[in-house]
Amino acid sequence: MNEATTHRFREVILSRLEELEAEDSLGRDGQSVVSLDQQAVGRLSRQDALLSQSMAKATQARRDAKRRGLRAAIARLEEGEFGYCEDCGEDISPKRLELDPTVTRCISCASG
């Protein structure tokens, strides 16, 4: 992989990390503690709030996993291992990497 391609993928990865940070700030309110005061909120409203909180936490967990994958991709870029299949060592298709820069296996190894 040449330097221009490496730079382009670094920019894509850093951009996606920034997007995750922005989403984190929006999702913090949904993860806040749900008030269980029965006088202030009805039973169904509390259940709805608890469900919303649970969904917000699950979404945060997915963002955290994606963030770990993107940071690992940055590390592979710095080590010169980005874009190579971890199983067979062949190049991973640039189109596959553009779609998801966190992939570590070529399409053949991933489907086999």
C-alpha atoms as a PDB file:
ATOM      1  CA  MET A   1       0.000   0.000   0.000  1.00  0.00           C
ATOM      2  CA  ASN A   2       1.483   3.333  -1.017  1.00  0.00           C
ATOM      3  CA  GLU A   3       1.733   6.423   1.169  1.00  0.00           C
ATOM      4  CA  ALA A   4      -1.182   8.261  -0.482  1.00  0.00           C
ATOM      5  CA  THR A   5      -3.509   5.308   0.062  1.00  0.00           C
ATOM      6  CA  THR A   6      -2.337   4.936   3.655  1.00  0.00           C
ATOM      7  CA  HIS A   7      -2.969   8.635   4.260  1.00  0.00           C
ATOM      8  CA  ARG A   8      -6.452   8.398   2.732  1.00  0.00           C
ATOM      9  CA  PHE A   9      -7.402   5.433   4.936  1.00  0.00           C
ATOM     10  CA  ARG A  10      -6.005   7.210   8.010  1.00  0.00           C
ATOM     11  CA  GLU A  11      -8.251  10.194   7.239  1.00  0.00           C
ATOM     12  CA  VAL A  12     -11.290   7.925   6.778  1.00  0.00           C
ATOM     13  CA  ILE A  13     -10.622   6.155  10.080  1.00  0.00           C
ATOM     14  CA  LEU A  14     -10.047   9.394  11.993  1.00  0.00           C
ATOM     15  CA  SER A  15     -13.230  10.844  10.497  1.00  0.00           C
ATOM     16  CA  ARG A  16     -15.227   7.827  11.658  1.00  0.00           C
ATOM     17  CA  LEU A  17     -13.726   8.145  15.146  1.00  0.00           C
ATOM     18  CA  GLU A  18     -14.844  11.785  15.247  1.00  0.00           C
ATOM     19  CA  GLU A  19     -18.351  10.747  14.191  1.00  0.00           C
ATOM     20  CA  LEU A  20     -18.460   8.243  17.047  1.00  0.00           C
ATOM     21  CA  GLU A  21     -17.416  10.954  19.510  1.00  0.00           C
ATOM     22  CA  ALA A  22     -20.230  13.196  18.260  1.00  0.00           C
ATOM     23  CA  GLU A  23     -22.730  10.342  18.605  1.00  0.00           C
ATOM     24  CA  ASP A  24     -21.466   9.697  22.147  1.00  0.00           C
ATOM     25  CA  SER A  25     -22.325  13.221  23.214  1.00  0.00           C
ATOM     26  CA  LEU A  26     -25.844  12.828  21.817  1.00  0.00           C
ATOM     27  CA  GLY A  27     -26.377   9.429  23.459  1.00  0.00           C
ATOM     28  CA  ARG A  28     -25.354  10.382  27.004  1.00  0.00           C
ATOM     29  CA  ASP A  29     -28.778  11.752  27.932  1.00  0.00           C
ATOM     30  CA  GLY A  30     -30.487   8.487  27.016  1.00  0.00           C
ATOM     31  CA  GLN A  31     -28.236   6.544  29.387  1.00  0.00           C
ATOM     32  CA  SER A  32     -28.998   8.668  32.433  1.00  0.00           C
ATOM     33  CA  VAL A  33     -30.582   7.168  35.544  1.00  0.00           C
ATOM     34  CA  VAL A  34     -34.326   6.628  35.281  1.00  0.00           C
ATOM     35  CA  SER A  35     -36.371   8.122  38.101  1.00  0.00           C
ATOM     36  CA  LEU A  36     -38.577   5.541  39.796  1.00  0.00           C
ATOM     37  CA  ASP A  37     -40.852   8.003  41.583  1.00  0.00           C
ATOM     38  CA  GLN A  38     -44.327   6.543  41.033  1.00  0.00           C
ATOM     39  CA  GLN A  39     -45.973   9.847  41.898  1.00  0.00           C
ATOM     40  CA  ALA A  40     -44.092  11.705  39.179  1.00  0.00           C
ATOM     41  CA  VAL A  41     -44.166   9.102  36.402  1.00  0.00           C
ATOM     42  CA  GLY A  42     -46.669   6.375  35.634  1.00  0.00           C
ATOM     43  CA  ARG A  43     -45.755   2.683  35.406  1.00  0.00           C
ATOM     44  CA  LEU A  44     -45.866   2.527  31.609  1.00  0.00           C
ATOM     45  CA  SER A  45     -43.837   5.711  31.275  1.00  0.00           C
ATOM     46  CA  ARG A  46     -41.193   4.249  33.613  1.00  0.00           C
ATOM     47  CA  GLN A  47     -41.073   1.032  31.595  1.00  0.00           C
ATOM     48  CA  ASP A  48     -40.715   3.045  28.421  1.00  0.00           C
ATOM     49  CA  ALA A  49     -37.914   5.089  29.993  1.00  0.00           C
ATOM     50  CA  LEU A  50     -36.136   1.923  31.149  1.00  0.00           C
ATOM     51  CA  LEU A  51     -36.421   0.417  27.665  1.00  0.00           C
ATOM     52  CA  SER A  52     -35.039   3.605  26.111  1.00  0.00           C
ATOM     53  CA  GLN A  53     -32.167   3.570  28.596  1.00  0.00           C
ATOM     54  CA  SER A  54     -31.406  -0.064  27.769  1.00  0.00           C
ATOM     55  CA  MET A  55     -31.386   0.664  24.044  1.00  0.00           C
ATOM     56  CA  ALA A  56     -29.103   3.674  24.577  1.00  0.00           C
ATOM     57  CA  LYS A  57     -26.642   1.517  26.543  1.00  0.00           C
ATOM     58  CA  ALA A  58     -26.664  -1.171  23.832  1.00  0.00           C
ATOM     59  CA  THR A  59     -26.020   1.469  21.178  1.00  0.00           C
ATOM     60  CA  GLN A  60     -23.134   2.814  23.262  1.00  0.00           C
ATOM     61  CA  ALA A  61     -21.659  -0.690  23.514  1.00  0.00           C
ATOM     62  CA  ARG A  62     -21.787  -1.011  19.706  1.00  0.00           C
ATOM     63  CA  ARG A  63     -20.079   2.372  19.315  1.00  0.00           C
ATOM     64  CA  ASP A  64     -17.388   1.312  21.803  1.00  0.00           C
ATOM     65  CA  ALA A  65     -16.746  -1.902  19.848  1.00  0.00           C
ATOM     66  CA  LYS A  66     -16.537   0.049  16.589  1.00  0.00           C
ATOM     67  CA  ARG A  67     -14.139   2.523  18.227  1.00  0.00           C
ATOM     68  CA  ARG A  68     -11.864  -0.331  19.364  1.00  0.00           C
ATOM     69  CA  GLY A  69     -11.845  -1.720  15.814  1.00  0.00           C
ATOM     70  CA  LEU A  70     -10.972   1.676  14.339  1.00  0.00           C
ATOM     71  CA  ARG A  71      -8.151   2.193  16.836  1.00  0.00           C
ATOM     72  CA  ALA A  72      -6.808  -1.262  15.982  1.00  0.00           C
ATOM     73  CA  ALA A  73      -6.920  -0.269  12.290  1.00  0.00           C
ATOM     74  CA  ILE A  74      -4.864   2.850  13.081  1.00  0.00           C
ATOM     75  CA  ALA A  75      -2.339   0.641  14.894  1.00  0.00           C
ATOM     76  CA  ARG A  76      -2.140  -1.667  11.858  1.00  0.00           C
ATOM     77  CA  LEU A  77      -1.572   1.393   9.646  1.00  0.00           C
ATOM     78  CA  GLU A  78       1.302   2.531  11.847  1.00  0.00           C
ATOM     79  CA  GLU A  79       2.825  -0.975  11.857  1.00  0.00           C
ATOM     80  CA  GLY A  80       2.503  -1.320   8.084  1.00  0.00           C
ATOM     81  CA  GLU A  81       0.103  -4.258   8.400  1.00  0.00           C
ATOM     82  CA  PHE A  82      -3.087  -2.491   7.319  1.00  0.00           C
ATOM     83  CA  GLY A  83      -4.740  -3.952   4.228  1.00  0.00           C
ATOM     84  CA  TYR A  84      -3.258  -7.442   4.552  1.00  0.00           C
ATOM     85  CA  CYS A  85      -5.296 -10.500   5.503  1.00  0.00           C
ATOM     86  CA  GLU A  86      -4.376 -11.819   8.939  1.00  0.00           C
ATOM     87  CA  ASP A  87      -5.015 -15.404   7.782  1.00  0.00           C
ATOM     88  CA  CYS A  88      -3.405 -15.712   4.343  1.00  0.00           C
ATOM     89  CA  GLY A  89      -1.348 -12.504   4.145  1.00  0.00           C
ATOM     90  CA  GLU A  90      -2.848 -11.451   0.794  1.00  0.00           C
ATOM     91  CA  ASP A  91      -4.062  -7.918   0.092  1.00  0.00           C
ATOM     92  CA  ILE A  92      -7.583  -7.052   1.230  1.00  0.00           C
ATOM     93  CA  SER A  93      -9.568  -5.387  -1.532  1.00  0.00           C
ATOM     94  CA  PRO A  94      -9.460  -1.580  -1.237  1.00  0.00           C
ATOM     95  CA  LYS A  95     -13.220  -1.460  -1.828  1.00  0.00           C
ATOM     96  CA  ARG A  96     -13.726  -3.805   1.141  1.00  0.00           C
ATOM     97  CA  LEU A  97     -11.493  -1.591   3.282  1.00  0.00           C
ATOM     98  CA  GLU A  98     -13.341   1.548   2.190  1.00  0.00           C
ATOM     99  CA  LEU A  99     -16.608  -0.044   3.230  1.00  0.00           C
ATOM    100  CA  ASP A 100     -15.205  -1.146   6.587  1.00  0.00           C
ATOM    101  CA  PRO A 101     -11.605  -0.225   7.455  1.00  0.00           C
ATOM    102  CA  THR A 102     -11.736  -2.470  10.538  1.00  0.00           C
ATOM    103  CA  VAL A 103     -11.755  -5.729   8.548  1.00  0.00           C
ATOM    104  CA  THR A 104      -8.718  -7.937   9.041  1.00  0.00           C
ATOM    105  CA  ARG A 105      -9.420 -10.736   6.571  1.00  0.00           C
ATOM    106  CA  CYS A 106      -9.835 -10.893   2.812  1.00  0.00           C
ATOM    107  CA  ILE A 107     -13.186 -11.940   1.384  1.00  0.00           C
ATOM    108  CA  SER A 108     -11.957 -15.471   0.656  1.00  0.00           C
ATOM    109  CA  CYS A 109     -10.813 -16.111   4.226  1.00  0.00           C
ATOM    110  CA  ALA A 110     -13.817 -14.342   5.735  1.00  0.00           C
ATOM    111  CA  SER A 111     -16.276 -16.456   3.744  1.00  0.00           C
ATOM    112  CA  GLY A 112     -14.349 -19.717   4.069  1.00  0.00           C
END
